[in-house]
Amino acid sequence: MRELRCIIFEESELIKALVGYRRRTGKPLPPGQIGRLEIEKSPEIAARLNIIADHGDPIIVPAAGAELAAALIAYCIDVRVPVPASSKKSITMIDGHVALKIMKQ
């Protein structure tokens, strides 16, 4: 028997997860305002933060694959949502939202 759990992230939570993860890993976002978040679904799920830099130029900061998964897992830990370490984790889309899929065996 296996258990499947999905944690669905709202856009604001996804932004917080990406910003927090980059800060923790020593790669903070460039100075400026986050304009919007874009989600790409193919070939793999990717998030792109569109930032309007303080000097006025747009900057795109992408996150996909392991980096995106790590950001979501770290955010879950920060907000005290349990994520079993031994479970298989992947990123998926559910109803137009990015979700962390957790398969526990």
Protein backbone atom coordinates (compact mmCIF):
# COMPACT_ATOMS: atom_id res chain seq x y z
CA MET A 1 0.00 0.00 0.00
CA ARG A 2 1.20 3.50 -0.83
CA GLU A 3 0.06 6.95 0.18
CA LEU A 4 -0.13 9.93 -2.18
CA ARG A 5 -0.33 13.53 -0.97
CA CYS A 6 -0.35 16.73 -2.98
CA ILE A 7 0.36 20.17 -1.60
CA ILE A 8 -0.98 22.87 -3.89
CA PHE A 9 0.69 26.28 -3.82
CA GLU A 10 -1.00 29.61 -4.44
CA GLU A 11 1.00 32.14 -6.45
CA SER A 12 1.95 34.18 -3.36
CA GLU A 13 3.23 31.05 -1.59
CA LEU A 14 5.26 30.04 -4.62
CA ILE A 15 6.86 33.49 -4.74
CA LYS A 16 7.68 33.31 -1.00
CA ALA A 17 9.16 29.84 -1.48
CA LEU A 18 11.42 30.97 -4.34
CA VAL A 19 12.54 34.18 -2.62
CA GLY A 20 13.27 32.36 0.65
CA TYR A 21 15.13 29.55 -1.06
CA ARG A 22 17.36 31.90 -3.05
CA ARG A 23 18.12 33.88 0.10
CA ARG A 24 19.03 30.70 2.03
CA THR A 25 21.27 29.40 -0.74
CA GLY A 26 23.22 32.66 -1.03
CA LYS A 27 21.66 33.68 -4.38
CA PRO A 28 19.28 36.50 -3.39
CA LEU A 29 17.15 38.14 -6.02
CA PRO A 30 18.49 41.31 -7.62
CA PRO A 31 17.21 44.57 -6.12
CA GLY A 32 13.84 45.56 -7.52
CA GLN A 33 10.15 44.71 -7.47
CA ILE A 34 8.65 41.35 -8.44
CA GLY A 35 6.40 42.14 -11.37
CA ARG A 36 4.77 38.76 -11.92
CA LEU A 37 5.26 35.03 -11.78
CA GLU A 38 5.02 32.92 -14.94
CA ILE A 39 4.58 29.15 -14.91
CA GLU A 40 5.77 27.08 -17.85
CA LYS A 41 4.29 23.58 -18.10
CA SER A 42 6.30 22.06 -20.93
CA PRO A 43 8.77 20.40 -21.35
CA GLU A 44 9.05 20.52 -17.56
CA ILE A 45 7.34 22.65 -14.94
CA ALA A 46 9.28 25.85 -14.43
CA ALA A 47 8.62 29.12 -12.60
CA ARG A 48 9.96 32.46 -13.76
CA LEU A 49 9.99 35.53 -11.55
CA ASN A 50 9.82 38.70 -13.61
CA ILE A 51 11.57 41.45 -11.69
CA ILE A 52 11.65 45.14 -12.49
CA ALA A 53 15.16 46.07 -11.39
CA ASP A 54 15.82 49.29 -9.49
CA HIS A 55 17.59 50.62 -12.61
CA GLY A 56 14.41 49.94 -14.64
CA ASP A 57 15.43 46.93 -16.73
CA PRO A 58 13.42 43.70 -16.54
CA ILE A 59 15.19 40.62 -15.14
CA ILE A 60 13.87 37.07 -15.39
CA VAL A 61 14.86 34.62 -12.65
CA PRO A 62 13.99 31.01 -13.57
CA ALA A 63 13.56 27.99 -11.27
CA ALA A 64 12.83 24.44 -12.39
CA GLY A 65 13.53 20.82 -11.53
CA ALA A 66 15.42 20.13 -8.33
CA GLU A 67 15.73 23.83 -7.46
CA LEU A 68 11.96 24.36 -7.66
CA ALA A 69 11.28 21.20 -5.66
CA ALA A 70 13.83 22.20 -3.00
CA ALA A 71 12.23 25.64 -2.69
CA LEU A 72 8.77 24.13 -2.19
CA ILE A 73 10.01 21.57 0.35
CA ALA A 74 11.89 24.26 2.30
CA TYR A 75 8.77 26.44 2.32
CA CYS A 76 6.69 23.54 3.65
CA ILE A 77 9.21 23.02 6.44
CA ASP A 78 9.20 26.76 7.23
CA VAL A 79 5.40 26.83 7.60
CA ARG A 80 5.37 23.52 9.52
CA VAL A 81 3.75 21.32 6.89
CA PRO A 82 5.21 17.83 7.38
CA VAL A 83 7.15 16.41 4.44
CA PRO A 84 8.51 12.89 5.08
CA ALA A 85 12.21 12.77 4.20
CA SER A 86 12.03 9.21 2.87
CA SER A 87 9.15 9.88 0.45
CA LYS A 88 9.45 10.35 -3.30
CA LYS A 89 8.71 13.95 -4.27
CA SER A 90 7.93 15.53 -7.62
CA ILE A 91 6.42 18.70 -9.06
CA THR A 92 3.10 18.59 -10.92
CA MET A 93 0.28 20.90 -11.99
CA ILE A 94 -3.19 20.63 -10.43
CA ASP A 95 -6.01 22.95 -11.54
CA GLY A 96 -3.50 25.43 -12.95
CA HIS A 97 -1.40 25.57 -9.77
CA VAL A 98 2.05 24.20 -9.02
CA ALA A 99 1.86 21.29 -6.58
CA LEU A 100 4.34 19.17 -4.67
CA LYS A 101 3.43 15.51 -5.06
CA ILE A 102 4.58 13.28 -2.20
CA MET A 103 4.49 9.48 -2.56
CA LYS A 104 5.09 7.55 0.65
CA GLN A 105 5.70 3.81 0.44
